[in-house]
Every structure is written in C-alpha cells, then in structure tokens.
Amino acid sequence: MSEGLSISPESVEAWLHELLPGSRIYVLDQVHSDGIVFAEEVVPGDIPSADGIISRDTDAVLCIRTADCVPVLLWADDMPLIGAVHAGWRGLAKGIVKKGIKLMQSLGASAIHVGIGPCIGICCYEVSKDVADVFGPQEVVHNGSAMYLDLAGAALSQCLEAGVREHMVYKINLCTSCHPGQFFSYRRDGDAAGRNLSLIGGKSWSLPGLQVG
C-alpha cells in the first residue's frame, strides 16, 4: 500500500516504473466495457481506454486496478501469451472474460490458465433487479426482496464456456468488502477507496499483494 498515491492510471503506471525499472508496463483507463487491446499495438506512453489487454511478450507487465470488480489474469502453457481483464458487472454482462480467452485462442493458445482474484463476494454485493436480470439464476441469490450477485461465479462460468478446463482455473475466494485489512472496496469505502493492483508478466511476481490508495 502506498498512502497518498493517486489511483489514476497515470500515477499507478509511474509508481510501477519506480518499482520495476526498465519494465514495459501497461495500465488501462478502465471504462467498464468489453474492450480488449493488444499490448503490441499500444503506442508507447499511451494509456488506452479498455478493460482488457493481451500481450505476446511475457516480459511485459500488465496491470489491472480493482476495488470490488473481478481481476482476471490469463496465461498460456503452449505459447508466450498473457492477458489481464478488469471484469465488473457491465463487462461480465458483455462477456469480457470469455472474449479475452477466445482472443488468446484465436492467436493459437490452447492450454490457457486463468486466475480469478479477490473481488466483492456474493455475501456483500447486493444489486438491483435490472442488474440481476442480466445474469443467470445460478449467479444470483435471493434473500427476501434483496438480490446478491456472484461476480466471481460469473467469471468462472465464462471461463468454462470458453473451453478452459476447471482444474486450470485458480479462484481466490476472498471478498474485498469483508477484508478491510487486506483489500480496498468501493462498496465498503465509497470514493475514499483505493485500488487493488493485479499484475502479470515480467517480474511482477516480486510485488505480491500490491495496493494503492
């Protein structure tokens, strides 16, 4: 955690360059869409408006910022290919996780692993009927008149629909809202919430548990 550091994509990118000097770092201007870009097509220094990114260069560092949405990291066994997806309910409704996997498959990857990171759990994510109606009954729990959405479950369903075998999906079952000492949560903290950073590629493994806020 870095107290006082802006959560803007520009500030996060600059901070990661300090932590991982010399790395090619890609941060997105996340807009809750199903837009996915290829890192090799991003102009150096640009921060594209998108919610997913794929790279053929496993030395590149791909970054996703979340504060309740689902961070999804993708990597292939059979070729150098990685990806990162920011999946809120709007992106999931548009099939962004499935789209990211299909794009990797279209490039030739067949053995794809998926990491589904901490996000707000079905225990805490109460939604309106309009939002609940976008998803299947297996992803919505009713408690009286209240409805709760399983974001991580929706992401898992899209992985399986795209042909990823369940044993190649690694799901961290931690609710961001329930764990204030570990994760930022917009639902819990509102505009005061920082962002949880999920990274894949390069030496990002050396920066576990990154948060910014």
Protein backbone atom coordinates (compact mmCIF):
# COMPACT_ATOMS: atom_id res chain seq x y z
CA MET A 1 0.00 0.00 0.00
CA SER A 2 1.24 3.47 -0.79
CA GLU A 3 -0.64 6.07 1.20
CA GLY A 4 -1.49 9.28 -0.61
CA LEU A 5 -0.65 7.95 -4.07
CA SER A 6 -3.28 8.82 -6.66
CA ILE A 7 -5.29 5.92 -8.04
CA SER A 8 -5.26 7.36 -11.57
CA PRO A 9 -3.83 5.06 -14.24
CA GLU A 10 -1.07 7.59 -14.94
CA SER A 11 0.05 7.65 -11.31
CA VAL A 12 -0.12 3.87 -10.99
CA GLU A 13 1.95 3.45 -14.14
CA ALA A 14 4.61 5.90 -12.87
CA TRP A 15 4.74 4.11 -9.50
CA LEU A 16 5.15 0.71 -11.12
CA HIS A 17 8.00 2.06 -13.25
CA GLU A 18 9.73 3.02 -9.99
CA LEU A 19 9.18 -0.46 -8.54
CA LEU A 20 10.08 -2.32 -11.74
CA PRO A 21 12.63 -0.12 -13.52
CA GLY A 22 13.21 -0.97 -17.14
CA SER A 23 9.98 -2.94 -17.49
CA ARG A 24 7.39 -2.41 -20.21
CA ILE A 25 4.31 -1.63 -18.12
CA TYR A 26 0.76 -1.38 -19.42
CA VAL A 27 -2.03 0.23 -17.40
CA LEU A 28 -5.54 0.78 -18.75
CA ASP A 29 -8.05 3.59 -18.46
CA GLN A 30 -10.76 1.15 -17.37
CA VAL A 31 -14.25 2.12 -18.54
CA HIS A 32 -16.39 -0.93 -17.66
CA SER A 33 -16.57 -2.09 -21.26
CA ASP A 34 -15.73 -5.30 -23.13
CA GLY A 35 -12.86 -3.58 -24.97
CA ILE A 36 -9.61 -5.55 -25.14
CA VAL A 37 -6.39 -4.24 -26.69
CA PHE A 38 -3.13 -5.87 -27.75
CA ALA A 39 -0.08 -4.51 -25.95
CA GLU A 40 1.99 -4.62 -29.13
CA GLU A 41 -0.44 -2.16 -30.74
CA VAL A 42 -0.36 0.36 -27.88
CA VAL A 43 1.65 3.49 -28.63
CA PRO A 44 4.47 3.86 -26.05
CA GLY A 45 3.31 6.16 -23.28
CA ASP A 46 -0.36 5.78 -24.18
CA ILE A 47 -2.98 4.55 -21.71
CA PRO A 48 -5.77 3.02 -23.79
CA SER A 49 -9.42 3.13 -22.75
CA ALA A 50 -10.19 -0.57 -22.40
CA ASP A 51 -10.83 -3.25 -19.80
CA GLY A 52 -8.57 -5.99 -21.06
CA ILE A 53 -5.11 -6.36 -22.57
CA ILE A 54 -3.23 -9.24 -24.18
CA SER A 55 0.49 -9.48 -24.93
CA ARG A 56 2.71 -11.91 -26.83
CA ASP A 57 5.61 -10.64 -24.71
CA THR A 58 5.65 -12.35 -21.32
CA ASP A 59 8.28 -9.87 -20.13
CA ALA A 60 5.69 -7.10 -20.38
CA VAL A 61 3.84 -6.25 -17.17
CA LEU A 62 0.05 -5.98 -17.48
CA CYS A 63 -1.82 -4.20 -14.69
CA ILE A 64 -5.49 -4.24 -13.66
CA ARG A 65 -6.88 -1.93 -10.95
CA THR A 66 -9.89 -3.09 -8.92
CA ALA A 67 -11.88 -2.03 -5.86
CA ASP A 68 -14.58 -4.77 -5.92
CA CYS A 69 -14.62 -5.80 -9.59
CA VAL A 70 -13.01 -9.09 -10.63
CA PRO A 71 -9.34 -9.10 -11.68
CA VAL A 72 -8.76 -11.93 -14.16
CA LEU A 73 -5.24 -12.95 -15.20
CA LEU A 74 -4.60 -15.26 -18.17
CA TRP A 75 -1.54 -17.17 -19.31
CA ALA A 76 -0.84 -19.91 -21.84
CA ASP A 77 1.30 -23.02 -21.41
CA ASP A 78 1.83 -23.68 -25.10
CA MET A 79 3.00 -20.28 -26.33
CA PRO A 80 4.25 -16.95 -24.94
CA LEU A 81 0.93 -15.19 -24.33
CA ILE A 82 -0.53 -13.41 -21.30
CA GLY A 83 -3.60 -11.33 -20.60
CA ALA A 84 -5.33 -9.30 -17.92
CA VAL A 85 -9.00 -8.38 -17.64
CA HIS A 86 -10.99 -5.99 -15.45
CA ALA A 87 -14.45 -7.54 -15.05
CA GLY A 88 -17.19 -5.54 -13.38
CA TRP A 89 -20.83 -6.47 -13.80
CA ARG A 90 -21.10 -4.44 -17.00
CA GLY A 91 -18.06 -6.10 -18.56
CA LEU A 92 -19.23 -9.53 -17.44
CA ALA A 93 -22.66 -8.87 -18.91
CA LYS A 94 -20.89 -8.26 -22.23
CA GLY A 95 -18.83 -11.43 -21.87
CA ILE A 96 -15.42 -9.80 -21.45
CA VAL A 97 -13.76 -12.80 -19.75
CA LYS A 98 -14.94 -15.21 -22.43
CA LYS A 99 -13.90 -12.69 -25.10
CA GLY A 100 -10.38 -12.42 -23.68
CA ILE A 101 -9.95 -16.20 -23.65
CA LYS A 102 -11.31 -16.53 -27.18
CA LEU A 103 -8.89 -13.87 -28.42
CA MET A 104 -5.98 -15.81 -26.92
CA GLN A 105 -7.29 -18.98 -28.53
CA SER A 106 -7.52 -17.20 -31.88
CA LEU A 107 -3.79 -16.46 -31.59
CA GLY A 108 -3.06 -20.16 -31.20
CA ALA A 109 -3.19 -20.79 -27.45
CA SER A 110 -4.99 -23.94 -26.35
CA ALA A 111 -3.64 -24.56 -22.84
CA ILE A 112 -4.83 -21.43 -21.03
CA HIS A 113 -4.72 -20.92 -17.27
CA VAL A 114 -6.96 -18.38 -15.52
CA GLY A 115 -6.51 -16.67 -12.17
CA ILE A 116 -9.65 -15.11 -10.70
CA GLY A 117 -8.59 -12.73 -7.95
CA PRO A 118 -10.34 -11.32 -4.88
CA CYS A 119 -13.49 -9.31 -5.58
CA ILE A 120 -16.66 -8.40 -3.76
CA GLY A 121 -18.43 -11.61 -2.77
CA ILE A 122 -22.00 -12.72 -3.13
CA CYS A 123 -22.21 -12.12 0.63
CA CYS A 124 -21.91 -8.34 0.16
CA TYR A 125 -22.82 -7.47 -3.42
CA GLU A 126 -26.48 -6.54 -3.33
CA VAL A 127 -27.75 -5.42 -6.75
CA SER A 128 -30.90 -4.07 -8.31
CA LYS A 129 -33.33 -6.25 -10.26
CA ASP A 130 -32.15 -4.63 -13.51
CA VAL A 131 -28.61 -5.86 -12.87
CA ALA A 132 -29.67 -9.28 -11.56
CA ASP A 133 -31.82 -9.88 -14.66
CA VAL A 134 -28.73 -9.63 -16.88
CA PHE A 135 -27.29 -12.78 -15.28
CA GLY A 136 -28.36 -16.39 -14.97
CA PRO A 137 -30.17 -17.74 -11.88
CA GLN A 138 -27.03 -19.63 -10.80
CA GLU A 139 -25.25 -16.30 -10.30
CA VAL A 140 -27.95 -14.55 -8.25
CA VAL A 141 -29.04 -15.33 -4.69
CA HIS A 142 -32.35 -14.03 -3.35
CA ASN A 143 -32.73 -13.12 0.31
CA GLY A 144 -36.24 -11.85 0.77
CA SER A 145 -36.60 -8.89 -1.57
CA ALA A 146 -32.81 -8.42 -1.80
CA MET A 147 -30.71 -9.89 -4.61
CA TYR A 148 -26.98 -10.63 -4.47
CA LEU A 149 -24.70 -11.19 -7.46
CA ASP A 150 -21.82 -13.67 -7.67
CA LEU A 151 -19.29 -11.79 -9.81
CA ALA A 152 -16.54 -14.40 -9.42
CA GLY A 153 -19.01 -17.16 -10.28
CA ALA A 154 -19.98 -15.32 -13.46
CA ALA A 155 -16.30 -15.02 -14.41
CA LEU A 156 -15.80 -18.74 -13.78
CA SER A 157 -18.83 -19.60 -15.93
CA GLN A 158 -17.36 -17.62 -18.83
CA CYS A 159 -14.04 -19.45 -18.48
CA LEU A 160 -15.80 -22.81 -18.74
CA GLU A 161 -17.96 -21.62 -21.64
CA ALA A 162 -14.78 -20.62 -23.48
CA GLY A 163 -13.41 -24.14 -23.11
CA VAL A 164 -10.99 -23.68 -20.20
CA ARG A 165 -10.90 -26.79 -18.05
CA GLU A 166 -11.99 -26.17 -14.48
CA HIS A 167 -8.75 -27.51 -13.00
CA MET A 168 -6.90 -24.75 -14.90
CA VAL A 169 -8.90 -22.00 -13.21
CA TYR A 170 -7.48 -20.72 -9.92
CA LYS A 171 -10.08 -18.81 -7.91
CA ILE A 172 -9.24 -16.89 -4.74
CA ASN A 173 -12.41 -16.91 -2.65
CA LEU A 174 -11.88 -13.73 -0.63
CA CYS A 175 -14.40 -10.90 -0.50
CA THR A 176 -12.84 -7.46 -0.83
CA SER A 177 -15.62 -5.88 1.23
CA CYS A 178 -15.26 -8.39 4.10
CA HIS A 179 -11.49 -7.94 4.49
CA PRO A 180 -10.70 -4.26 5.18
CA GLY A 181 -7.20 -5.09 6.35
CA GLN A 182 -6.31 -6.79 3.07
CA PHE A 183 -8.28 -5.17 0.25
CA PHE A 184 -9.82 -1.91 -0.85
CA SER A 185 -13.56 -1.96 -1.52
CA TYR A 186 -15.62 0.72 -3.22
CA ARG A 187 -18.86 -0.77 -1.89
CA ARG A 188 -17.48 -0.54 1.65
CA ASP A 189 -15.49 2.73 1.49
CA GLY A 190 -17.03 4.70 -1.36
CA ASP A 191 -14.93 7.40 -3.00
CA ALA A 192 -12.29 7.01 -0.28
CA ALA A 193 -11.42 3.53 -1.57
CA GLY A 194 -8.01 2.92 -3.06
CA ARG A 195 -7.32 0.24 -5.66
CA ASN A 196 -6.03 -3.32 -5.51
CA LEU A 197 -3.47 -3.97 -8.25
CA SER A 198 -3.27 -7.30 -10.08
CA LEU A 199 -0.20 -7.84 -12.25
CA ILE A 200 1.02 -10.48 -14.66
CA GLY A 201 4.23 -10.73 -16.66
CA GLY A 202 7.87 -9.78 -16.27
CA LYS A 203 8.99 -9.53 -12.66
CA SER A 204 5.54 -8.68 -11.33
CA TRP A 205 5.76 -11.82 -9.17
CA SER A 206 8.18 -9.86 -6.98
CA LEU A 207 5.42 -7.42 -5.95
CA PRO A 208 2.78 -9.57 -4.22
CA GLY A 209 -0.30 -8.06 -2.65
CA LEU A 210 0.05 -4.62 -4.21
CA GLN A 211 -2.45 -1.96 -3.21
CA VAL A 212 -2.57 1.75 -3.93
CA GLY A 213 -4.61 4.43 -2.27
